[in-house]
PDB file of N, CA and C in Angstrom:
ATOM      1  N   UNK A   1      10.659  36.716  25.289  1.00  0.00           N
ATOM      2  CA  UNK A   1      10.873  35.930  24.098  1.00  0.00           C
ATOM      3  C   UNK A   1      11.567  36.787  23.054  1.00  0.00           C
ATOM      4  N   UNK A   2      12.347  36.136  22.267  1.00  0.00           N
ATOM      5  CA  UNK A   2      13.112  36.866  21.268  1.00  0.00           C
ATOM      6  C   UNK A   2      13.342  35.965  20.063  1.00  0.00           C
ATOM      7  N   UNK A   3      13.140  36.534  18.874  1.00  0.00           N
ATOM      8  CA  UNK A   3      13.410  35.760  17.664  1.00  0.00           C
ATOM      9  C   UNK A   3      14.877  35.363  17.595  1.00  0.00           C
ATOM     10  N   UNK A   4      15.763  36.288  17.972  1.00  0.00           N
ATOM     11  CA  UNK A   4      17.196  36.012  17.858  1.00  0.00           C
ATOM     12  C   UNK A   4      17.652  34.910  18.806  1.00  0.00           C
ATOM     13  N   UNK A   5      16.966  34.747  19.938  1.00  0.00           N
ATOM     14  CA  UNK A   5      17.318  33.683  20.877  1.00  0.00           C
ATOM     15  C   UNK A   5      16.617  32.367  20.546  1.00  0.00           C
ATOM     16  N   UNK A   6      15.694  32.406  19.618  1.00  0.00           N
ATOM     17  CA  UNK A   6      15.022  31.194  19.183  1.00  0.00           C
ATOM     18  C   UNK A   6      13.894  30.741  20.094  1.00  0.00           C
ATOM     19  N   UNK A   7      13.448  31.605  20.981  1.00  0.00           N
ATOM     20  CA  UNK A   7      12.343  31.202  21.869  1.00  0.00           C
ATOM     21  C   UNK A   7      11.087  32.025  21.573  1.00  0.00           C
ATOM     22  N   UNK A   8      10.848  32.283  20.308  1.00  0.00           N
ATOM     23  CA  UNK A   8       9.692  33.060  19.883  1.00  0.00           C
ATOM     24  C   UNK A   8       8.560  32.111  19.522  1.00  0.00           C
ATOM     25  N   UNK A   9       7.367  32.394  20.043  1.00  0.00           N
ATOM     26  CA  UNK A   9       6.186  31.601  19.735  1.00  0.00           C
ATOM     27  C   UNK A   9       5.067  32.536  19.310  1.00  0.00           C
ATOM     28  N   UNK A  10       4.260  32.093  18.386  1.00  0.00           N
ATOM     29  CA  UNK A  10       3.073  32.870  18.031  1.00  0.00           C
ATOM     30  C   UNK A  10       1.962  32.538  19.027  1.00  0.00           C
ATOM     31  N   UNK A  11       0.925  33.348  19.034  1.00  0.00           N
ATOM     32  CA  UNK A  11      -0.211  33.088  19.917  1.00  0.00           C
ATOM     33  C   UNK A  11      -0.831  31.738  19.565  1.00  0.00           C
ATOM     34  N   UNK A  12      -0.882  31.422  18.293  1.00  0.00           N
ATOM     35  CA  UNK A  12      -1.426  30.127  17.867  1.00  0.00           C
ATOM     36  C   UNK A  12      -0.602  28.977  18.435  1.00  0.00           C
ATOM     37  N   UNK A  13       0.736  29.111  18.368  1.00  0.00           N
ATOM     38  CA  UNK A  13       1.617  28.067  18.923  1.00  0.00           C
ATOM     39  C   UNK A  13       1.341  27.855  20.406  1.00  0.00           C
ATOM     40  N   UNK A  14       1.276  28.952  21.147  1.00  0.00           N
ATOM     41  CA  UNK A  14       1.094  28.855  22.596  1.00  0.00           C
ATOM     42  C   UNK A  14      -0.293  28.307  22.923  1.00  0.00           C
ATOM     43  N   UNK A  15      -1.312  28.704  22.168  1.00  0.00           N
ATOM     44  CA  UNK A  15      -2.666  28.163  22.399  1.00  0.00           C
ATOM     45  C   UNK A  15      -2.709  26.666  22.156  1.00  0.00           C
ATOM     46  N   UNK A  16      -1.987  26.205  21.149  1.00  0.00           N
ATOM     47  CA  UNK A  16      -1.950  24.773  20.878  1.00  0.00           C
ATOM     48  C   UNK A  16      -1.209  24.014  21.981  1.00  0.00           C
ATOM     49  N   UNK A  17      -0.184  24.653  22.560  1.00  0.00           N
ATOM     50  CA  UNK A  17       0.596  23.990  23.616  1.00  0.00           C
ATOM     51  C   UNK A  17      -0.137  23.993  24.952  1.00  0.00           C
ATOM     52  N   UNK A  18      -0.790  25.108  25.305  1.00  0.00           N
ATOM     53  CA  UNK A  18      -1.342  25.258  26.650  1.00  0.00           C
ATOM     54  C   UNK A  18      -2.847  25.459  26.699  1.00  0.00           C
ATOM     55  N   UNK A  19      -3.472  25.707  25.581  1.00  0.00           N
ATOM     56  CA  UNK A  19      -4.904  25.976  25.565  1.00  0.00           C
ATOM     57  C   UNK A  19      -5.179  27.470  25.686  1.00  0.00           C
ATOM     58  N   UNK A  20      -6.365  27.857  25.305  1.00  0.00           N
ATOM     59  CA  UNK A  20      -6.715  29.274  25.250  1.00  0.00           C
ATOM     60  C   UNK A  20      -6.769  29.928  26.625  1.00  0.00           C
ATOM     61  N   UNK A  21      -7.337  29.259  27.613  1.00  0.00           N
ATOM     62  CA  UNK A  21      -7.491  29.876  28.935  1.00  0.00           C
ATOM     63  C   UNK A  21      -6.151  30.123  29.615  1.00  0.00           C
ATOM     64  N   UNK A  22      -5.286  29.134  29.595  1.00  0.00           N
ATOM     65  CA  UNK A  22      -3.969  29.303  30.207  1.00  0.00           C
ATOM     66  C   UNK A  22      -3.159  30.362  29.450  1.00  0.00           C
ATOM     67  N   UNK A  23      -3.320  30.421  28.144  1.00  0.00           N
ATOM     68  CA  UNK A  23      -2.635  31.434  27.349  1.00  0.00           C
ATOM     69  C   UNK A  23      -3.129  32.826  27.702  1.00  0.00           C
ATOM     70  N   UNK A  24      -4.439  32.980  27.870  1.00  0.00           N
ATOM     71  CA  UNK A  24      -4.985  34.285  28.254  1.00  0.00           C
ATOM     72  C   UNK A  24      -4.417  34.753  29.596  1.00  0.00           C
ATOM     73  N   UNK A  25      -4.350  33.839  30.550  1.00  0.00           N
ATOM     74  CA  UNK A  25      -3.823  34.195  31.872  1.00  0.00           C
ATOM     75  C   UNK A  25      -2.351  34.592  31.766  1.00  0.00           C
ATOM     76  N   UNK A  26      -1.565  33.816  31.029  1.00  0.00           N
ATOM     77  CA  UNK A  26      -0.138  34.129  30.888  1.00  0.00           C
ATOM     78  C   UNK A  26       0.069  35.433  30.118  1.00  0.00           C
ATOM     79  N   UNK A  27      -0.759  35.700  29.119  1.00  0.00           N
ATOM     80  CA  UNK A  27      -0.647  36.954  28.373  1.00  0.00           C
ATOM     81  C   UNK A  27      -1.008  38.149  29.247  1.00  0.00           C
ATOM     82  N   UNK A  28      -2.053  38.007  30.061  1.00  0.00           N
ATOM     83  CA  UNK A  28      -2.440  39.101  30.953  1.00  0.00           C
ATOM     84  C   UNK A  28      -1.335  39.369  31.972  1.00  0.00           C
ATOM     85  N   UNK A  29      -0.632  38.324  32.364  1.00  0.00           N
ATOM     86  CA  UNK A  29       0.443  38.461  33.341  1.00  0.00           C
ATOM     87  C   UNK A  29       1.758  38.920  32.704  1.00  0.00           C
ATOM     88  N   UNK A  30       1.801  38.959  31.373  1.00  0.00           N
ATOM     89  CA  UNK A  30       3.030  39.296  30.660  1.00  0.00           C
ATOM     90  C   UNK A  30       3.392  40.767  30.754  1.00  0.00           C
ATOM     91  N   UNK A  31       2.442  41.588  31.138  1.00  0.00           N
ATOM     92  CA  UNK A  31       2.731  43.009  31.277  1.00  0.00           C
ATOM     93  C   UNK A  31       1.825  43.847  30.404  1.00  0.00           C
ATOM     94  N   UNK A  32       1.558  45.050  30.873  1.00  0.00           N
ATOM     95  CA  UNK A  32       0.644  45.896  30.124  1.00  0.00           C
ATOM     96  C   UNK A  32       1.076  47.358  30.145  1.00  0.00           C
ATOM     97  N   UNK A  33       2.332  47.600  30.383  1.00  0.00           N
ATOM     98  CA  UNK A  33       2.837  48.962  30.331  1.00  0.00           C
ATOM     99  C   UNK A  33       3.424  49.204  28.941  1.00  0.00           C
ATOM    100  N   UNK A  34       4.139  50.283  28.780  1.00  0.00           N
ATOM    101  CA  UNK A  34       4.751  50.574  27.487  1.00  0.00           C
ATOM    102  C   UNK A  34       5.990  49.715  27.234  1.00  0.00           C
ATOM    103  N   UNK A  35       6.451  49.006  28.249  1.00  0.00           N
ATOM    104  CA  UNK A  35       7.579  48.087  28.068  1.00  0.00           C
ATOM    105  C   UNK A  35       7.122  46.870  27.275  1.00  0.00           C
ATOM    106  N   UNK A  36       8.095  46.174  26.696  1.00  0.00           N
ATOM    107  CA  UNK A  36       7.772  44.943  25.977  1.00  0.00           C
ATOM    108  C   UNK A  36       7.180  43.920  26.937  1.00  0.00           C
ATOM    109  N   UNK A  37       6.198  43.184  26.460  1.00  0.00           N
ATOM    110  CA  UNK A  37       5.591  42.129  27.269  1.00  0.00           C
ATOM    111  C   UNK A  37       6.606  41.008  27.474  1.00  0.00           C
ATOM    112  N   UNK A  38       6.537  40.378  28.622  1.00  0.00           N
ATOM    113  CA  UNK A  38       7.435  39.279  28.940  1.00  0.00           C
ATOM    114  C   UNK A  38       6.600  38.020  29.158  1.00  0.00           C
ATOM    115  N   UNK A  39       6.312  37.335  28.073  1.00  0.00           N
ATOM    116  CA  UNK A  39       5.527  36.111  28.154  1.00  0.00           C
ATOM    117  C   UNK A  39       6.426  34.990  28.645  1.00  0.00           C
ATOM    118  N   UNK A  40       6.059  34.398  29.775  1.00  0.00           N
ATOM    119  CA  UNK A  40       6.877  33.354  30.393  1.00  0.00           C
ATOM    120  C   UNK A  40       6.115  32.029  30.299  1.00  0.00           C
ATOM    121  N   UNK A  41       6.727  31.050  29.639  1.00  0.00           N
ATOM    122  CA  UNK A  41       6.053  29.761  29.440  1.00  0.00           C
ATOM    123  C   UNK A  41       5.655  29.079  30.747  1.00  0.00           C
ATOM    124  N   UNK A  42       6.495  29.109  31.793  1.00  0.00           N
ATOM    125  CA  UNK A  42       6.063  28.484  33.050  1.00  0.00           C
ATOM    126  C   UNK A  42       4.784  29.104  33.635  1.00  0.00           C
ATOM    127  N   UNK A  43       4.526  30.374  33.350  1.00  0.00           N
ATOM    128  CA  UNK A  43       3.267  30.976  33.814  1.00  0.00           C
ATOM    129  C   UNK A  43       2.071  30.304  33.162  1.00  0.00           C
ATOM    130  N   UNK A  44       2.197  29.954  31.883  1.00  0.00           N
ATOM    131  CA  UNK A  44       1.123  29.241  31.192  1.00  0.00           C
ATOM    132  C   UNK A  44       0.964  27.832  31.775  1.00  0.00           C
ATOM    133  N   UNK A  45       2.090  27.189  32.069  1.00  0.00           N
ATOM    134  CA  UNK A  45       2.035  25.854  32.668  1.00  0.00           C
ATOM    135  C   UNK A  45       1.372  25.904  34.049  1.00  0.00           C
ATOM    136  N   UNK A  46       1.747  26.908  34.844  1.00  0.00           N
ATOM    137  CA  UNK A  46       1.135  27.067  36.168  1.00  0.00           C
ATOM    138  C   UNK A  46      -0.351  27.390  36.064  1.00  0.00           C
ATOM    139  N   UNK A  47      -0.723  28.146  35.047  1.00  0.00           N
ATOM    140  CA  UNK A  47      -2.137  28.479  34.858  1.00  0.00           C
ATOM    141  C   UNK A  47      -2.956  27.220  34.603  1.00  0.00           C
ATOM    142  N   UNK A  48      -2.400  26.286  33.843  1.00  0.00           N
ATOM    143  CA  UNK A  48      -3.103  25.025  33.596  1.00  0.00           C
ATOM    144  C   UNK A  48      -3.361  24.306  34.914  1.00  0.00           C
ATOM    145  N   UNK A  49      -2.336  24.227  35.759  1.00  0.00           N
ATOM    146  CA  UNK A  49      -2.484  23.544  37.043  1.00  0.00           C
ATOM    147  C   UNK A  49      -3.515  24.246  37.931  1.00  0.00           C
ATOM    148  N   UNK A  50      -3.437  25.572  38.000  1.00  0.00           N
ATOM    149  CA  UNK A  50      -4.378  26.315  38.831  1.00  0.00           C
ATOM    150  C   UNK A  50      -5.809  26.172  38.331  1.00  0.00           C
ATOM    151  N   UNK A  51      -5.984  26.218  37.017  1.00  0.00           N
ATOM    152  CA  UNK A  51      -7.330  26.047  36.458  1.00  0.00           C
ATOM    153  C   UNK A  51      -7.855  24.635  36.713  1.00  0.00           C
ATOM    154  N   UNK A  52      -6.973  23.643  36.624  1.00  0.00           N
ATOM    155  CA  UNK A  52      -7.383  22.262  36.891  1.00  0.00           C
ATOM    156  C   UNK A  52      -7.795  22.092  38.351  1.00  0.00           C
ATOM    157  N   UNK A  53      -7.031  22.703  39.261  1.00  0.00           N
ATOM    158  CA  UNK A  53      -7.378  22.630  40.692  1.00  0.00           C
ATOM    159  C   UNK A  53      -8.692  23.363  40.968  1.00  0.00           C
ATOM    160  N   UNK A  54      -8.871  24.511  40.340  1.00  0.00           N
ATOM    161  CA  UNK A  54     -10.116  25.261  40.509  1.00  0.00           C
ATOM    162  C   UNK A  54     -11.305  24.452  40.000  1.00  0.00           C
ATOM    163  N   UNK A  55     -11.149  23.830  38.842  1.00  0.00           N
ATOM    164  CA  UNK A  55     -12.218  23.000  38.284  1.00  0.00           C
ATOM    165  C   UNK A  55     -12.566  21.851  39.226  1.00  0.00           C
ATOM    166  N   UNK A  56     -11.539  21.199  39.748  1.00  0.00           N
ATOM    167  CA  UNK A  56     -11.775  20.068  40.650  1.00  0.00           C
ATOM    168  C   UNK A  56     -12.454  20.520  41.936  1.00  0.00           C
ATOM    169  N   UNK A  57     -12.038  21.660  42.483  1.00  0.00           N
ATOM    170  CA  UNK A  57     -12.666  22.187  43.696  1.00  0.00           C
ATOM    171  C   UNK A  57     -14.139  22.507  43.433  1.00  0.00           C
ATOM    172  N   UNK A  58     -14.437  23.135  42.315  1.00  0.00           N
ATOM    173  CA  UNK A  58     -15.832  23.461  41.970  1.00  0.00           C
ATOM    174  C   UNK A  58     -16.642  22.179  41.820  1.00  0.00           C
ATOM    175  N   UNK A  59     -16.072  21.188  41.127  1.00  0.00           N
ATOM    176  CA  UNK A  59     -16.777  19.918  40.922  1.00  0.00           C
ATOM    177  C   UNK A  59     -17.089  19.246  42.259  1.00  0.00           C
ATOM    178  N   UNK A  60     -16.117  19.197  43.164  1.00  0.00           N
ATOM    179  CA  UNK A  60     -16.328  18.576  44.470  1.00  0.00           C
ATOM    180  C   UNK A  60     -17.329  19.366  45.312  1.00  0.00           C
ATOM    181  N   UNK A  61     -17.253  20.675  45.241  1.00  0.00           N
ATOM    182  CA  UNK A  61     -18.168  21.512  46.008  1.00  0.00           C
ATOM    183  C   UNK A  61     -19.598  21.327  45.525  1.00  0.00           C
ATOM    184  N   UNK A  62     -19.789  21.294  44.220  1.00  0.00           N
ATOM    185  CA  UNK A  62     -21.129  21.100  43.678  1.00  0.00           C
ATOM    186  C   UNK A  62     -21.682  19.719  44.006  1.00  0.00           C
ATOM    187  N   UNK A  63     -20.791  18.730  44.124  1.00  0.00           N
ATOM    188  CA  UNK A  63     -21.234  17.377  44.448  1.00  0.00           C
ATOM    189  C   UNK A  63     -21.809  17.285  45.856  1.00  0.00           C
ATOM    190  N   UNK A  64     -21.339  18.130  46.764  1.00  0.00           N
ATOM    191  CA  UNK A  64     -21.857  18.078  48.128  1.00  0.00           C
ATOM    192  C   UNK A  64     -22.655  19.325  48.492  1.00  0.00           C
ATOM    193  N   UNK A  65     -23.238  19.943  47.506  1.00  0.00           N
ATOM    194  CA  UNK A  65     -23.960  21.194  47.740  1.00  0.00           C
ATOM    195  C   UNK A  65     -25.183  21.004  48.626  1.00  0.00           C
ATOM    196  N   UNK A  66     -25.732  19.823  48.664  1.00  0.00           N
ATOM    197  CA  UNK A  66     -26.923  19.605  49.489  1.00  0.00           C
ATOM    198  C   UNK A  66     -26.617  19.727  50.981  1.00  0.00           C
ATOM    199  N   UNK A  67     -25.329  19.659  51.334  1.00  0.00           N
ATOM    200  CA  UNK A  67     -24.978  19.781  52.749  1.00  0.00           C
ATOM    201  C   UNK A  67     -24.829  21.240  53.181  1.00  0.00           C
ATOM    202  N   UNK A  68     -24.816  22.163  52.223  1.00  0.00           N
ATOM    203  CA  UNK A  68     -24.705  23.579  52.550  1.00  0.00           C
ATOM    204  C   UNK A  68     -26.091  24.194  52.696  1.00  0.00           C
ATOM    205  N   UNK A  69     -26.167  25.269  53.435  1.00  0.00           N
ATOM    206  CA  UNK A  69     -27.453  25.941  53.549  1.00  0.00           C
ATOM    207  C   UNK A  69     -27.772  26.605  52.222  1.00  0.00           C
ATOM    208  N   UNK A  70     -29.021  26.679  51.918  1.00  0.00           N
ATOM    209  CA  UNK A  70     -29.443  27.297  50.664  1.00  0.00           C
ATOM    210  C   UNK A  70     -30.534  28.310  50.947  1.00  0.00           C
ATOM    211  N   UNK A  71     -30.675  29.251  50.059  1.00  0.00           N
ATOM    212  CA  UNK A  71     -31.737  30.240  50.205  1.00  0.00           C
ATOM    213  C   UNK A  71     -31.424  31.258  51.283  1.00  0.00           C
ATOM    214  N   UNK A  72     -32.367  32.111  51.509  1.00  0.00           N
ATOM    215  CA  UNK A  72     -32.250  33.168  52.502  1.00  0.00           C
ATOM    216  C   UNK A  72     -33.084  32.767  53.703  1.00  0.00           C
ATOM    217  N   UNK A  73     -32.661  33.212  54.866  1.00  0.00           N
ATOM    218  CA  UNK A  73     -33.378  32.848  56.082  1.00  0.00           C
ATOM    219  C   UNK A  73     -34.839  33.279  55.999  1.00  0.00           C
ATOM    220  N   UNK A  74     -35.622  32.772  56.899  1.00  0.00           N
ATOM    221  CA  UNK A  74     -37.070  33.007  56.835  1.00  0.00           C
ATOM    222  C   UNK A  74     -37.432  34.481  56.930  1.00  0.00           C
ATOM    223  N   UNK A  75     -36.585  35.304  57.555  1.00  0.00           N
ATOM    224  CA  UNK A  75     -36.917  36.720  57.644  1.00  0.00           C
ATOM    225  C   UNK A  75     -36.400  37.511  56.438  1.00  0.00           C
ATOM    226  N   UNK A  76     -35.938  36.820  55.399  1.00  0.00           N
ATOM    227  CA  UNK A  76     -35.518  37.402  54.118  1.00  0.00           C
ATOM    228  C   UNK A  76     -34.325  38.352  54.228  1.00  0.00           C
ATOM    229  N   UNK A  77     -33.584  38.268  55.312  1.00  0.00           N
ATOM    230  CA  UNK A  77     -32.402  39.106  55.457  1.00  0.00           C
ATOM    231  C   UNK A  77     -31.162  38.236  55.348  1.00  0.00           C
ATOM    232  N   UNK A  78     -30.149  38.815  54.763  1.00  0.00           N
ATOM    233  CA  UNK A  78     -28.881  38.109  54.694  1.00  0.00           C
ATOM    234  C   UNK A  78     -28.134  38.272  56.018  1.00  0.00           C
ATOM    235  N   UNK A  79     -27.431  37.249  56.393  1.00  0.00           N
ATOM    236  CA  UNK A  79     -26.588  37.331  57.573  1.00  0.00           C
ATOM    237  C   UNK A  79     -25.426  38.286  57.286  1.00  0.00           C
ATOM    238  N   UNK A  80     -24.804  38.800  58.325  1.00  0.00           N
ATOM    239  CA  UNK A  80     -23.688  39.723  58.147  1.00  0.00           C
ATOM    240  C   UNK A  80     -22.600  39.124  57.267  1.00  0.00           C
ATOM    241  N   UNK A  81     -22.269  37.863  57.480  1.00  0.00           N
ATOM    242  CA  UNK A  81     -21.195  37.231  56.707  1.00  0.00           C
ATOM    243  C   UNK A  81     -21.568  37.153  55.232  1.00  0.00           C
ATOM    244  N   UNK A  82     -22.848  36.951  54.934  1.00  0.00           N
ATOM    245  CA  UNK A  82     -23.297  36.928  53.540  1.00  0.00           C
ATOM    246  C   UNK A  82     -23.130  38.302  52.897  1.00  0.00           C
ATOM    247  N   UNK A  83     -23.493  39.336  53.626  1.00  0.00           N
ATOM    248  CA  UNK A  83     -23.346  40.694  53.105  1.00  0.00           C
ATOM    249  C   UNK A  83     -21.876  41.044  52.906  1.00  0.00           C
ATOM    250  N   UNK A  84     -21.053  40.637  53.834  1.00  0.00           N
ATOM    251  CA  UNK A  84     -19.611  40.897  53.735  1.00  0.00           C
ATOM    252  C   UNK A  84     -19.020  40.171  52.519  1.00  0.00           C
ATOM    253  N   UNK A  85     -19.384  38.923  52.346  1.00  0.00           N
ATOM    254  CA  UNK A  85     -18.905  38.119  51.219  1.00  0.00           C
ATOM    255  C   UNK A  85     -19.337  38.748  49.895  1.00  0.00           C
ATOM    256  N   UNK A  86     -20.598  39.124  49.807  1.00  0.00           N
ATOM    257  CA  UNK A  86     -21.113  39.753  48.593  1.00  0.00           C
ATOM    258  C   UNK A  86     -20.399  41.078  48.317  1.00  0.00           C
ATOM    259  N   UNK A  87     -20.130  41.832  49.366  1.00  0.00           N
ATOM    260  CA  UNK A  87     -19.429  43.104  49.223  1.00  0.00           C
ATOM    261  C   UNK A  87     -18.017  42.896  48.685  1.00  0.00           C
ATOM    262  N   UNK A  88     -17.318  41.898  49.180  1.00  0.00           N
ATOM    263  CA  UNK A  88     -15.965  41.605  48.713  1.00  0.00           C
ATOM    264  C   UNK A  88     -15.964  41.202  47.237  1.00  0.00           C
ATOM    265  N   UNK A  89     -16.930  40.390  46.852  1.00  0.00           N
ATOM    266  CA  UNK A  89     -17.036  39.986  45.449  1.00  0.00           C
ATOM    267  C   UNK A  89     -17.307  41.206  44.579  1.00  0.00           C
ATOM    268  N   UNK A  90     -18.282  42.017  44.974  1.00  0.00           N
ATOM    269  CA  UNK A  90     -18.610  43.219  44.211  1.00  0.00           C
ATOM    270  C   UNK A  90     -17.406  44.151  44.082  1.00  0.00           C
ATOM    271  N   UNK A  91     -16.654  44.293  45.165  1.00  0.00           N
ATOM    272  CA  UNK A  91     -15.492  45.171  45.147  1.00  0.00           C
ATOM    273  C   UNK A  91     -14.438  44.670  44.156  1.00  0.00           C
ATOM    274  N   UNK A  92     -14.169  43.370  44.164  1.00  0.00           N
ATOM    275  CA  UNK A  92     -13.189  42.812  43.231  1.00  0.00           C
ATOM    276  C   UNK A  92     -13.655  42.910  41.784  1.00  0.00           C
ATOM    277  N   UNK A  93     -14.936  42.715  41.561  1.00  0.00           N
ATOM    278  CA  UNK A  93     -15.475  42.871  40.209  1.00  0.00           C
ATOM    279  C   UNK A  93     -15.298  44.314  39.747  1.00  0.00           C
ATOM    280  N   UNK A  94     -15.586  45.265  40.627  1.00  0.00           N
ATOM    281  CA  UNK A  94     -15.427  46.682  40.299  1.00  0.00           C
ATOM    282  C   UNK A  94     -13.972  47.015  39.985  1.00  0.00           C
ATOM    283  N   UNK A  95     -13.047  46.555  40.837  1.00  0.00           N
ATOM    284  CA  UNK A  95     -11.630  46.828  40.603  1.00  0.00           C
ATOM    285  C   UNK A  95     -11.138  46.200  39.305  1.00  0.00           C
ATOM    286  N   UNK A  96     -11.620  45.014  39.017  1.00  0.00           N
ATOM    287  CA  UNK A  96     -11.257  44.347  37.772  1.00  0.00           C
ATOM    288  C   UNK A  96     -11.782  45.120  36.566  1.00  0.00           C
ATOM    289  N   UNK A  97     -13.026  45.588  36.654  1.00  0.00           N
ATOM    290  CA  UNK A  97     -13.633  46.370  35.582  1.00  0.00           C
ATOM    291  C   UNK A  97     -12.847  47.655  35.337  1.00  0.00           C
ATOM    292  N   UNK A  98     -12.485  48.350  36.417  1.00  0.00           N
ATOM    293  CA  UNK A  98     -11.719  49.586  36.291  1.00  0.00           C
ATOM    294  C   UNK A  98     -10.341  49.317  35.674  1.00  0.00           C
ATOM    295  N   UNK A  99      -9.724  48.222  36.042  1.00  0.00           N
ATOM    296  CA  UNK A  99      -8.422  47.868  35.473  1.00  0.00           C
ATOM    297  C   UNK A  99      -8.543  47.593  33.977  1.00  0.00           C
ATOM    298  N   UNK A 100      -9.595  46.894  33.569  1.00  0.00           N
ATOM    299  CA  UNK A 100      -9.815  46.647  32.140  1.00  0.00           C
ATOM    300  C   UNK A 100     -10.043  47.958  31.393  1.00  0.00           C
ATOM    301  N   UNK A 101     -10.790  48.863  31.997  1.00  0.00           N
ATOM    302  CA  UNK A 101     -11.035  50.158  31.363  1.00  0.00           C
ATOM    303  C   UNK A 101      -9.726  50.903  31.093  1.00  0.00           C
ATOM    304  N   UNK A 102      -8.759  50.736  31.981  1.00  0.00           N
ATOM    305  CA  UNK A 102      -7.473  51.420  31.856  1.00  0.00           C
ATOM    306  C   UNK A 102      -6.431  50.565  31.123  1.00  0.00           C
ATOM    307  N   UNK A 103      -6.879  49.440  30.556  1.00  0.00           N
ATOM    308  CA  UNK A 103      -5.996  48.531  29.825  1.00  0.00           C
ATOM    309  C   UNK A 103      -4.855  48.004  30.706  1.00  0.00           C
ATOM    310  N   UNK A 104      -5.156  47.758  31.967  1.00  0.00           N
ATOM    311  CA  UNK A 104      -4.179  47.222  32.904  1.00  0.00           C
ATOM    312  C   UNK A 104      -4.548  45.762  33.172  1.00  0.00           C
ATOM    313  N   UNK A 105      -4.162  44.913  32.221  1.00  0.00           N
ATOM    314  CA  UNK A 105      -4.596  43.520  32.238  1.00  0.00           C
ATOM    315  C   UNK A 105      -4.030  42.724  33.408  1.00  0.00           C
ATOM    316  N   UNK A 106      -2.810  43.030  33.798  1.00  0.00           N
ATOM    317  CA  UNK A 106      -2.227  42.309  34.936  1.00  0.00           C
ATOM    318  C   UNK A 106      -3.023  42.602  36.206  1.00  0.00           C
ATOM    319  N   UNK A 107      -3.415  43.853  36.394  1.00  0.00           N
ATOM    320  CA  UNK A 107      -4.229  44.227  37.545  1.00  0.00           C
ATOM    321  C   UNK A 107      -5.614  43.568  37.473  1.00  0.00           C
ATOM    322  N   UNK A 108      -6.196  43.553  36.283  1.00  0.00           N
ATOM    323  CA  UNK A 108      -7.503  42.911  36.109  1.00  0.00           C
ATOM    324  C   UNK A 108      -7.407  41.420  36.433  1.00  0.00           C
ATOM    325  N   UNK A 109      -6.320  40.793  36.033  1.00  0.00           N
ATOM    326  CA  UNK A 109      -6.101  39.386  36.355  1.00  0.00           C
ATOM    327  C   UNK A 109      -5.994  39.194  37.870  1.00  0.00           C
ATOM    328  N   UNK A 110      -5.292  40.104  38.508  1.00  0.00           N
ATOM    329  CA  UNK A 110      -5.136  40.019  39.965  1.00  0.00           C
ATOM    330  C   UNK A 110      -6.490  40.059  40.663  1.00  0.00           C
ATOM    331  N   UNK A 111      -7.302  41.060  40.344  1.00  0.00           N
ATOM    332  CA  UNK A 111      -8.588  41.222  41.027  1.00  0.00           C
ATOM    333  C   UNK A 111      -9.658  40.241  40.529  1.00  0.00           C
ATOM    334  N   UNK A 112      -9.686  39.983  39.233  1.00  0.00           N
ATOM    335  CA  UNK A 112     -10.754  39.163  38.665  1.00  0.00           C
ATOM    336  C   UNK A 112     -10.523  37.666  38.749  1.00  0.00           C
ATOM    337  N   UNK A 113      -9.269  37.268  38.999  1.00  0.00           N
ATOM    338  CA  UNK A 113      -8.995  35.831  39.066  1.00  0.00           C
ATOM    339  C   UNK A 113      -8.370  35.453  40.410  1.00  0.00           C
ATOM    340  N   UNK A 114      -7.235  36.027  40.735  1.00  0.00           N
ATOM    341  CA  UNK A 114      -6.531  35.617  41.939  1.00  0.00           C
ATOM    342  C   UNK A 114      -7.239  36.080  43.211  1.00  0.00           C
ATOM    343  N   UNK A 115      -7.624  37.338  43.282  1.00  0.00           N
ATOM    344  CA  UNK A 115      -8.299  37.838  44.484  1.00  0.00           C
ATOM    345  C   UNK A 115      -9.715  37.278  44.603  1.00  0.00           C
ATOM    346  N   UNK A 116     -10.382  37.133  43.495  1.00  0.00           N
ATOM    347  CA  UNK A 116     -11.757  36.645  43.531  1.00  0.00           C
ATOM    348  C   UNK A 116     -11.797  35.188  43.931  1.00  0.00           C
TER     349      UNK A 116
END
């Protein structure tokens, strides 16, 4: 974005156009190095669609949750696949946390949203 090209928006403008969540995702994807950030409006538009699809998937999954197994087996041990799944989640959370610590927002977005 550039003032001279006339495509400059404030954070308030973009939040009003796309909402706070989509704006956060697009800002995190805009770059986090010493180079100028490259905020791309289609990224905010795509974030809205992805968040809407995620919301719908969660809503549908919760609606049929009674068909999934619940709780831990009678011997109180997790199955291998459960341990593997939990390990993958923990790993992505850790990588996302480390990326935030280093102010690498694009990486944190990758691990905390897309990979997770």
